[in-house]
């Protein structure tokens, strides 16, 4: 009998963790952290790394990690949390599949037993390995990643799992099609239909049409009303228009894992006669990913130790960087775009900013007003007279696109997750919507 269990993503954005069992075989889709919010006890200024070696134990104690039997590596379970339930090998997990390289989908992967194979798309594995080498490793221990190729099923007992690429705001994103003796289950991961590779998401919907169960993200259902989605082309045009308008220094906040947008913005800056200067750790990441001419600060600009260490390690591994001095930026601020370190806001004082200069926020950190870093971030910009503008494109399907997707796929049952408001997903006639409950086993044949 095939069952589906949910250990995250319920009433929250992120935290996706879906277990599918068939007989003695168990696979899990995603191993995510919650997106930080005001209620997140580990949000800044605490930090998940505030007590090295006790990250998982602390998350378990406050109910922020699921108590799934046989899932965790015992070395991350100190005596005060190492219950018989957690240490048991049964029922265990036989494979873990990661949909993409965002923390709310893979942030707990480093705590899983090393005997569990962990699969992801090649671009996801490449990005996560580059992040590790650039000073942003996963919590716990880096897993022995295995690459899953698009359309090539991985067999786990009586279960097969197939990765199907989708468009999201990170390279290597995919959904999954899970086939069992009792039927087929599709999981969207995170996807959108307004990005530059939207055809991938349309192809996903076509490939899983008619599945028995669809598990879909519903991020944009969380807000009402929501403006029409901004395309990647529109975001790039907003960035270029701002560069044409500005005479002085321009700041930008990009999410480093969105390497395609970062490359587009760097190219747009070059076309406008400007150089985009990255913090050291971000520059090290882009260099390791082969992003071309990467520019960072030279030794004249003070940077936090993690940035300096990331650059030093990359140079020791043979990567080279172009550098710029703080004096050069001060002399001709109109020739540069700078990405500041969001965790070192006083470093803004080093820059030649004047009232009326602008920061273009492109889904970078801090992520938004739900992020505990947002208030000090905007306060610093206000103190310096820097105008905050948006030049981003969301990574999640609009509510209209979600509804159209469900209608095209026409599953027998749909579970909306990864949203504050799952009940806002309206389903067409003949489709049953189920609001999942934590840890409940849903027999596929009985849905």
Protein backbone atom coordinates (compact mmCIF):
# COMPACT_ATOMS: atom_id res chain seq x y z
CA UNK A 1 0.00 0.00 0.00
CA UNK A 2 1.34 3.42 -1.00
CA UNK A 3 1.10 6.20 1.59
CA UNK A 4 2.00 9.90 1.54
CA UNK A 5 3.11 11.80 4.65
CA UNK A 6 3.90 15.48 5.10
CA UNK A 7 6.50 16.66 7.62
CA UNK A 8 6.66 20.28 6.53
CA UNK A 9 5.31 22.87 4.16
CA UNK A 10 1.94 22.97 5.94
CA UNK A 11 0.64 26.47 6.59
CA UNK A 12 4.11 27.91 5.97
CA UNK A 13 6.18 28.93 2.98
CA UNK A 14 9.03 26.47 2.66
CA UNK A 15 9.93 23.50 4.86
CA UNK A 16 8.90 20.97 2.20
CA UNK A 17 9.34 17.37 3.37
CA UNK A 18 7.19 14.65 1.77
CA UNK A 19 7.61 10.94 2.51
CA UNK A 20 6.19 8.35 0.10
CA UNK A 21 6.14 4.72 1.25
CA UNK A 22 5.35 1.52 -0.60
CA UNK A 23 5.80 -1.71 1.35
CA UNK A 24 9.30 -1.57 2.84
CA UNK A 25 10.46 1.21 0.51
CA UNK A 26 10.48 4.87 1.62
CA UNK A 27 11.57 7.91 -0.35
CA UNK A 28 11.46 11.54 0.66
CA UNK A 29 11.05 14.62 -1.53
CA UNK A 30 12.92 17.66 -0.16
CA UNK A 31 14.41 18.37 3.25
CA UNK A 32 13.76 22.05 3.76
CA UNK A 33 14.03 24.71 6.43
CA UNK A 34 11.30 27.25 7.07
CA UNK A 35 11.81 30.69 5.57
CA UNK A 36 12.74 32.96 8.53
CA UNK A 37 9.94 35.06 9.95
CA UNK A 38 9.19 36.97 13.12
CA UNK A 39 8.10 33.71 14.75
CA UNK A 40 11.23 31.78 13.76
CA UNK A 41 13.20 31.30 16.98
CA UNK A 42 16.39 30.77 14.97
CA UNK A 43 16.04 33.93 12.90
CA UNK A 44 18.52 36.78 13.31
CA UNK A 45 20.00 37.80 15.63
CA UNK A 46 20.12 34.20 16.90
CA UNK A 47 21.25 32.33 13.80
CA UNK A 48 21.17 28.62 13.05
CA UNK A 49 24.91 28.39 13.63
CA UNK A 50 24.82 29.97 17.06
CA UNK A 51 25.71 26.64 18.74
CA UNK A 52 28.00 24.58 16.55
CA UNK A 53 27.26 20.87 16.62
CA UNK A 54 23.87 21.35 18.28
CA UNK A 55 21.99 22.77 15.30
CA UNK A 56 19.80 19.71 14.75
CA UNK A 57 19.33 19.10 18.47
CA UNK A 58 18.14 22.67 18.97
CA UNK A 59 15.80 22.51 15.97
CA UNK A 60 14.29 19.28 17.30
CA UNK A 61 13.86 20.73 20.78
CA UNK A 62 11.86 23.72 19.50
CA UNK A 63 9.84 21.68 16.99
CA UNK A 64 11.53 23.16 13.91
CA UNK A 65 12.74 19.80 12.53
CA UNK A 66 10.56 16.70 12.11
CA UNK A 67 10.96 13.72 14.43
CA UNK A 68 11.07 11.17 11.62
CA UNK A 69 12.30 7.75 12.82
CA UNK A 70 15.53 6.58 11.23
CA UNK A 71 16.10 9.78 9.26
CA UNK A 72 19.00 11.48 11.05
CA UNK A 73 22.68 10.71 11.36
CA UNK A 74 23.16 9.75 15.06
CA UNK A 75 26.29 11.92 15.32
CA UNK A 76 24.03 15.00 15.23
CA UNK A 77 21.83 13.65 18.02
CA UNK A 78 23.37 14.37 21.45
CA UNK A 79 22.09 12.43 24.43
CA UNK A 80 19.40 14.92 25.43
CA UNK A 81 17.53 14.44 22.12
CA UNK A 82 18.73 10.96 21.06
CA UNK A 83 15.47 9.11 21.69
CA UNK A 84 14.97 5.50 20.69
CA UNK A 85 12.45 6.77 18.15
CA UNK A 86 15.05 8.90 16.35
CA UNK A 87 17.93 6.42 16.60
CA UNK A 88 16.06 3.41 15.24
CA UNK A 89 16.92 2.11 11.78
CA UNK A 90 13.28 1.32 11.08
CA UNK A 91 11.35 2.40 9.12
CA UNK A 92 14.33 4.31 7.78
CA UNK A 93 14.64 6.12 4.49
CA UNK A 94 15.96 4.60 1.27
CA UNK A 95 16.46 7.74 -0.86
CA UNK A 96 16.11 11.50 -0.59
CA UNK A 97 15.41 13.70 -3.62
CA UNK A 98 16.06 17.46 -3.57
CA UNK A 99 14.11 19.65 -5.98
CA UNK A 100 16.43 22.67 -5.96
CA UNK A 101 19.12 24.57 -4.07
CA UNK A 102 17.02 26.85 -1.87
CA UNK A 103 17.25 26.45 1.88
CA UNK A 104 13.52 25.94 2.33
CA UNK A 105 13.89 22.78 0.22
CA UNK A 106 17.31 21.42 1.20
CA UNK A 107 18.46 23.23 4.35
CA UNK A 108 18.36 20.12 6.59
CA UNK A 109 19.96 17.71 4.11
CA UNK A 110 23.28 17.68 5.99
CA UNK A 111 21.71 15.91 8.98
CA UNK A 112 20.44 12.87 7.09
CA UNK A 113 22.08 9.48 7.68
CA UNK A 114 25.05 9.09 5.29
CA UNK A 115 23.67 5.68 4.24
CA UNK A 116 20.73 7.47 2.55
CA UNK A 117 21.42 8.32 -1.12
CA UNK A 118 20.72 11.99 -1.83
CA UNK A 119 19.76 12.89 -5.40
CA UNK A 120 19.54 16.25 -7.16
CA UNK A 121 19.95 17.65 -10.66
CA UNK A 122 23.51 18.30 -11.87
CA UNK A 123 23.21 22.11 -11.73
CA UNK A 124 21.89 21.90 -8.16
CA UNK A 125 24.80 19.71 -7.09
CA UNK A 126 27.30 22.03 -8.81
CA UNK A 127 25.83 25.11 -7.13
CA UNK A 128 25.74 23.55 -3.65
CA UNK A 129 29.33 22.31 -3.94
CA UNK A 130 30.47 25.76 -5.06
CA UNK A 131 28.62 27.31 -2.12
CA UNK A 132 30.37 24.93 0.26
CA UNK A 133 33.79 25.85 -1.11
CA UNK A 134 32.88 29.55 -0.96
CA UNK A 135 32.09 29.47 2.75
CA UNK A 136 28.39 28.61 2.74
CA UNK A 137 28.20 24.88 3.47
CA UNK A 138 25.02 23.04 4.35
CA UNK A 139 24.26 22.67 8.03
CA UNK A 140 25.67 19.41 9.35
CA UNK A 141 27.79 17.48 6.85
CA UNK A 142 27.86 17.75 3.07
CA UNK A 143 26.06 14.67 1.67
CA UNK A 144 27.55 12.44 -1.01
CA UNK A 145 25.42 13.94 -3.76
CA UNK A 146 24.14 11.74 -6.57
CA UNK A 147 23.03 13.28 -9.85
CA UNK A 148 19.57 12.49 -11.16
CA UNK A 149 19.18 13.11 -14.88
CA UNK A 150 15.98 14.57 -16.33
CA UNK A 151 13.57 11.89 -17.45
CA UNK A 152 15.71 9.00 -16.17
CA UNK A 153 13.84 7.19 -13.38
CA UNK A 154 15.60 6.14 -10.18
CA UNK A 155 14.18 2.89 -8.81
CA UNK A 156 13.81 2.40 -5.06
CA UNK A 157 12.15 -0.96 -4.43
CA UNK A 158 8.66 -0.71 -5.93
CA UNK A 159 8.93 3.09 -6.28
CA UNK A 160 10.41 4.99 -9.20
CA UNK A 161 11.23 8.70 -9.07
CA UNK A 162 11.74 10.81 -12.17
CA UNK A 163 13.08 14.39 -12.15
CA UNK A 164 11.34 16.83 -14.49
CA UNK A 165 12.93 20.29 -14.94
CA UNK A 166 10.85 23.38 -14.12
CA UNK A 167 11.48 27.11 -14.31
CA UNK A 168 12.34 28.77 -10.99
CA UNK A 169 14.69 31.55 -9.91
CA UNK A 170 17.58 29.15 -9.44
CA UNK A 171 19.26 26.87 -11.97
CA UNK A 172 18.66 23.13 -11.76
CA UNK A 173 15.14 23.28 -10.30
CA UNK A 174 12.88 20.31 -10.92
CA UNK A 175 9.66 18.66 -9.90
CA UNK A 176 9.23 14.92 -9.47
CA UNK A 177 7.00 12.21 -10.86
CA UNK A 178 6.75 9.27 -8.46
CA UNK A 179 5.30 6.00 -9.75
CA UNK A 180 4.12 3.24 -7.40
CA UNK A 181 1.98 0.12 -7.83
CA UNK A 182 -1.00 2.11 -6.53
CA UNK A 183 -0.66 5.08 -8.86
CA UNK A 184 1.33 8.20 -9.79
CA UNK A 185 2.21 11.20 -7.62
CA UNK A 186 3.61 14.50 -8.96
CA UNK A 187 5.35 17.17 -6.89
CA UNK A 188 5.96 20.59 -8.43
CA UNK A 189 8.83 21.69 -6.19
CA UNK A 190 8.86 25.46 -6.78
CA UNK A 191 7.96 26.64 -10.27
CA UNK A 192 6.76 29.60 -12.27
CA UNK A 193 5.32 30.30 -15.71
CA UNK A 194 6.57 33.88 -16.21
CA UNK A 195 10.34 33.24 -16.23
CA UNK A 196 12.74 33.03 -19.14
CA UNK A 197 12.51 29.21 -19.17
CA UNK A 198 8.75 28.97 -18.63
CA UNK A 199 8.50 26.21 -21.24
CA UNK A 200 10.11 23.86 -18.71
CA UNK A 201 7.16 24.35 -16.36
CA UNK A 202 4.68 23.88 -19.18
CA UNK A 203 6.46 20.68 -20.17
CA UNK A 204 6.29 19.49 -16.55
CA UNK A 205 2.54 20.05 -16.46
CA UNK A 206 2.13 18.12 -19.72
CA UNK A 207 4.31 15.23 -18.51
CA UNK A 208 2.34 14.70 -15.30
CA UNK A 209 -1.14 15.27 -16.72
CA UNK A 210 -3.66 12.84 -15.31
CA UNK A 211 -1.66 11.83 -12.22
CA UNK A 212 -3.54 10.44 -9.27
CA UNK A 213 -2.09 13.00 -6.85
CA UNK A 214 -0.57 16.41 -7.45
CA UNK A 215 1.37 18.06 -4.61
CA UNK A 216 1.83 21.70 -5.56
CA UNK A 217 3.52 24.72 -4.09
CA UNK A 218 1.10 27.61 -3.53
CA UNK A 219 3.35 30.45 -2.41
CA UNK A 220 1.49 33.28 -4.10
CA UNK A 221 -1.84 32.16 -2.66
CA UNK A 222 -0.52 33.56 0.63
CA UNK A 223 -1.22 37.18 -0.29
CA UNK A 224 -4.30 38.95 -1.57
CA UNK A 225 -4.33 40.86 -3.78
CA UNK A 226 -1.07 40.08 -5.56
CA UNK A 227 0.14 42.19 -8.50
CA UNK A 228 0.79 40.60 -11.86
CA UNK A 229 4.14 38.78 -11.99
CA UNK A 230 7.19 40.64 -13.24
CA UNK A 231 9.13 38.75 -15.90
CA UNK A 232 12.91 38.33 -15.92
CA UNK A 233 13.01 40.56 -19.01
CA UNK A 234 11.08 43.24 -17.13
CA UNK A 235 13.45 42.99 -14.14
CA UNK A 236 16.48 43.41 -16.41
CA UNK A 237 14.82 46.38 -18.14
CA UNK A 238 14.14 48.05 -14.77
CA UNK A 239 17.80 47.58 -13.87
CA UNK A 240 19.02 49.04 -17.19
CA UNK A 241 16.62 51.99 -16.94
CA UNK A 242 17.86 52.78 -13.43
CA UNK A 243 21.47 52.75 -14.64
CA UNK A 244 20.58 55.14 -17.43
CA UNK A 245 18.88 57.46 -14.95
CA UNK A 246 21.54 57.42 -12.22
CA UNK A 247 24.61 59.62 -12.28
CA UNK A 248 26.23 58.33 -9.11
CA UNK A 249 26.86 54.99 -7.48
CA UNK A 250 24.13 52.36 -7.77
CA UNK A 251 23.64 49.56 -5.24
CA UNK A 252 22.01 46.22 -5.99
CA UNK A 253 20.70 43.39 -3.79
CA UNK A 254 20.73 40.09 -5.69
CA UNK A 255 20.34 36.56 -4.34
CA UNK A 256 23.67 34.91 -5.23
CA UNK A 257 22.01 31.54 -5.96
CA UNK A 258 20.20 33.21 -8.86
CA UNK A 259 23.28 33.03 -11.06
CA UNK A 260 21.45 33.66 -14.34
CA UNK A 261 20.08 37.00 -13.15
CA UNK A 262 23.42 37.96 -11.66
CA UNK A 263 25.09 37.32 -15.03
CA UNK A 264 22.41 39.35 -16.85
CA UNK A 265 22.81 42.27 -14.46
CA UNK A 266 26.60 42.21 -14.72
CA UNK A 267 26.32 42.30 -18.51
CA UNK A 268 23.77 45.14 -18.36
CA UNK A 269 26.15 47.09 -16.13
CA UNK A 270 28.98 46.59 -18.64
CA UNK A 271 26.74 47.80 -21.46
CA UNK A 272 26.00 50.92 -19.40
CA UNK A 273 29.74 51.55 -18.90
CA UNK A 274 29.71 50.35 -15.30
CA UNK A 275 31.43 47.56 -13.39
CA UNK A 276 29.45 45.41 -10.96
CA UNK A 277 31.48 44.76 -7.82
CA UNK A 278 30.62 41.70 -5.72
CA UNK A 279 31.42 40.98 -2.05
CA UNK A 280 34.29 38.50 -1.72
CA UNK A 281 32.27 35.39 -0.89
CA UNK A 282 29.82 36.04 -3.73
CA UNK A 283 32.71 36.66 -6.14
CA UNK A 284 34.31 33.38 -5.07
CA UNK A 285 31.04 31.53 -5.73
CA UNK A 286 30.63 33.03 -9.21
CA UNK A 287 34.25 32.32 -10.11
CA UNK A 288 33.87 28.67 -9.12
CA UNK A 289 30.74 28.45 -11.27
CA UNK A 290 32.59 29.79 -14.30
CA UNK A 291 30.64 33.04 -14.53
CA UNK A 292 33.31 34.88 -16.53
CA UNK A 293 35.05 38.06 -15.46
CA UNK A 294 34.16 38.41 -11.78
CA UNK A 295 35.04 41.68 -10.04
CA UNK A 296 35.55 42.10 -6.30
CA UNK A 297 37.32 44.48 -3.94
CA UNK A 298 41.06 44.67 -3.60
CA UNK A 299 42.83 44.78 -0.25
CA UNK A 300 42.11 48.50 0.20
CA UNK A 301 38.44 47.81 1.06
CA UNK A 302 37.90 46.20 4.47
CA UNK A 303 35.80 43.05 4.22
CA UNK A 304 34.60 40.54 6.77
CA UNK A 305 36.89 37.55 7.34
CA UNK A 306 34.52 35.12 5.60
CA UNK A 307 34.81 37.11 2.37
CA UNK A 308 38.59 37.25 2.56
CA UNK A 309 38.83 33.53 3.32
CA UNK A 310 36.55 32.64 0.39
CA UNK A 311 38.69 34.64 -2.02
CA UNK A 312 41.92 33.19 -0.65
CA UNK A 313 40.63 29.61 -1.02
CA UNK A 314 39.42 30.26 -4.55
CA UNK A 315 42.77 31.78 -5.55
CA UNK A 316 44.57 28.79 -4.02
CA UNK A 317 42.37 26.57 -6.21
CA UNK A 318 43.47 28.47 -9.32
CA UNK A 319 40.60 30.94 -9.76
CA UNK A 320 41.45 34.52 -10.65
CA UNK A 321 39.54 37.75 -10.10
CA UNK A 322 39.51 41.28 -11.35
CA UNK A 323 39.65 43.75 -8.48
CA UNK A 324 38.77 47.37 -7.89
CA UNK A 325 39.94 49.75 -5.19
CA UNK A 326 37.76 51.78 -2.90
CA UNK A 327 39.59 54.90 -4.10
CA UNK A 328 38.60 54.13 -7.70
CA UNK A 329 34.93 53.86 -6.76
CA UNK A 330 35.12 57.06 -4.71
CA UNK A 331 36.76 58.89 -7.61
CA UNK A 332 34.18 57.85 -10.22
CA UNK A 333 31.09 56.43 -8.51
CA UNK A 334 29.06 56.68 -11.73
CA UNK A 335 31.15 53.91 -13.25
CA UNK A 336 30.19 51.27 -10.70
CA UNK A 337 27.38 49.15 -9.31
CA UNK A 338 28.06 47.63 -5.89
CA UNK A 339 26.38 44.74 -4.11
CA UNK A 340 26.74 45.46 -0.37
CA UNK A 341 27.08 42.78 2.27
CA UNK A 342 23.60 42.67 3.91
CA UNK A 343 25.16 41.44 7.16
CA UNK A 344 27.69 44.28 7.33
CA UNK A 345 25.50 47.35 6.93
CA UNK A 346 28.04 49.76 8.46
CA UNK A 347 30.25 49.00 5.44
CA UNK A 348 27.86 51.23 3.47
CA UNK A 349 29.66 54.13 5.16
CA UNK A 350 32.78 53.30 3.11
CA UNK A 351 30.98 54.04 -0.15
CA UNK A 352 30.56 57.42 -1.90
CA UNK A 353 26.79 57.52 -1.41
CA UNK A 354 24.84 60.78 -1.55
CA UNK A 355 21.13 61.40 -0.94
CA UNK A 356 19.19 60.38 -4.03
CA UNK A 357 21.39 57.40 -4.90
CA UNK A 358 19.45 54.17 -5.25
CA UNK A 359 19.53 50.51 -4.28
CA UNK A 360 17.81 48.13 -6.67
CA UNK A 361 16.34 45.24 -4.72
CA UNK A 362 16.22 42.15 -6.93
CA UNK A 363 15.00 39.41 -4.57
CA UNK A 364 18.28 39.61 -2.68
CA UNK A 365 18.96 39.55 1.03
CA UNK A 366 17.22 40.61 3.15
CA UNK A 367 14.41 38.92 1.27
CA UNK A 368 11.51 41.16 2.29
CA UNK A 369 9.60 42.67 5.18
CA UNK A 370 9.09 39.19 6.72
CA UNK A 371 12.88 38.93 7.09
CA UNK A 372 14.19 40.16 10.46
CA UNK A 373 17.08 41.88 8.65
CA UNK A 374 14.68 44.02 6.59
CA UNK A 375 14.02 46.71 9.17
CA UNK A 376 17.68 47.55 9.93
CA UNK A 377 18.45 47.29 6.21
CA UNK A 378 15.84 49.88 5.25
CA UNK A 379 16.76 52.03 8.25
CA UNK A 380 20.37 52.23 7.04
CA UNK A 381 19.24 53.14 3.54
CA UNK A 382 16.98 55.82 4.97
CA UNK A 383 19.75 57.25 7.13
CA UNK A 384 22.00 57.58 4.08
CA UNK A 385 19.25 58.94 1.83
CA UNK A 386 19.38 55.93 -0.51
CA UNK A 387 16.18 55.28 -2.45
CA UNK A 388 14.95 51.67 -2.43
CA UNK A 389 13.54 50.43 -5.74
CA UNK A 390 12.39 47.02 -6.94
CA UNK A 391 14.01 45.27 -9.90
CA UNK A 392 13.15 41.66 -9.19
CA UNK A 393 11.12 38.81 -10.61
CA UNK A 394 9.46 36.29 -8.31
CA UNK A 395 10.25 32.60 -8.48
CA UNK A 396 6.71 31.35 -7.89
CA UNK A 397 3.73 30.88 -10.17
CA UNK A 398 0.98 33.47 -9.89
CA UNK A 399 -2.35 32.40 -8.45
CA UNK A 400 -3.86 32.47 -11.94
CA UNK A 401 -1.06 30.29 -13.31
CA UNK A 402 -1.42 27.84 -10.42
CA UNK A 403 -5.11 27.43 -11.09
CA UNK A 404 -4.52 27.01 -14.81
CA UNK A 405 -1.82 24.40 -14.11
CA UNK A 406 -4.13 22.34 -11.89
CA UNK A 407 -6.79 22.48 -14.58
CA UNK A 408 -4.31 21.29 -17.24
CA UNK A 409 -2.92 18.48 -15.09
CA UNK A 410 -6.40 17.43 -13.89
CA UNK A 411 -5.23 15.18 -11.04
CA UNK A 412 -7.67 13.11 -9.04
CA UNK A 413 -6.44 14.76 -5.82
CA UNK A 414 -4.37 17.89 -5.17
CA UNK A 415 -2.48 18.78 -1.98
CA UNK A 416 -1.59 22.52 -1.83
CA UNK A 417 1.48 23.08 0.38
CA UNK A 418 4.25 25.69 0.74
CA UNK A 419 1.73 28.49 1.41
CA UNK A 420 0.11 30.31 4.29
CA UNK A 421 -3.29 29.90 2.62
CA UNK A 422 -3.76 26.43 1.06
CA UNK A 423 -7.55 26.83 1.05
CA UNK A 424 -7.25 29.58 -1.56
CA UNK A 425 -6.40 26.99 -4.19
CA UNK A 426 -9.64 26.49 -6.10
CA UNK A 427 -9.92 23.24 -8.03
CA UNK A 428 -11.96 22.37 -11.12
CA UNK A 429 -14.82 19.92 -11.14
CA UNK A 430 -13.66 16.35 -10.68
CA UNK A 431 -10.55 17.28 -8.66
CA UNK A 432 -10.52 16.82 -4.90
CA UNK A 433 -8.48 19.24 -2.77
CA UNK A 434 -7.02 17.88 0.47
CA UNK A 435 -5.47 20.12 3.13
CA UNK A 436 -2.71 17.92 4.51
CA UNK A 437 -2.09 17.39 8.21
CA UNK A 438 1.33 16.91 9.74
CA UNK A 439 2.51 13.30 10.02
CA UNK A 440 -0.76 11.75 8.82
CA UNK A 441 -0.42 8.77 6.48
CA UNK A 442 -2.61 9.25 3.39
CA UNK A 443 -3.16 5.92 1.60
CA UNK A 444 -2.98 6.65 -2.13
CA UNK A 445 -5.65 4.07 -3.00
CA UNK A 446 -8.11 5.69 -0.59
CA UNK A 447 -7.73 9.28 -1.72
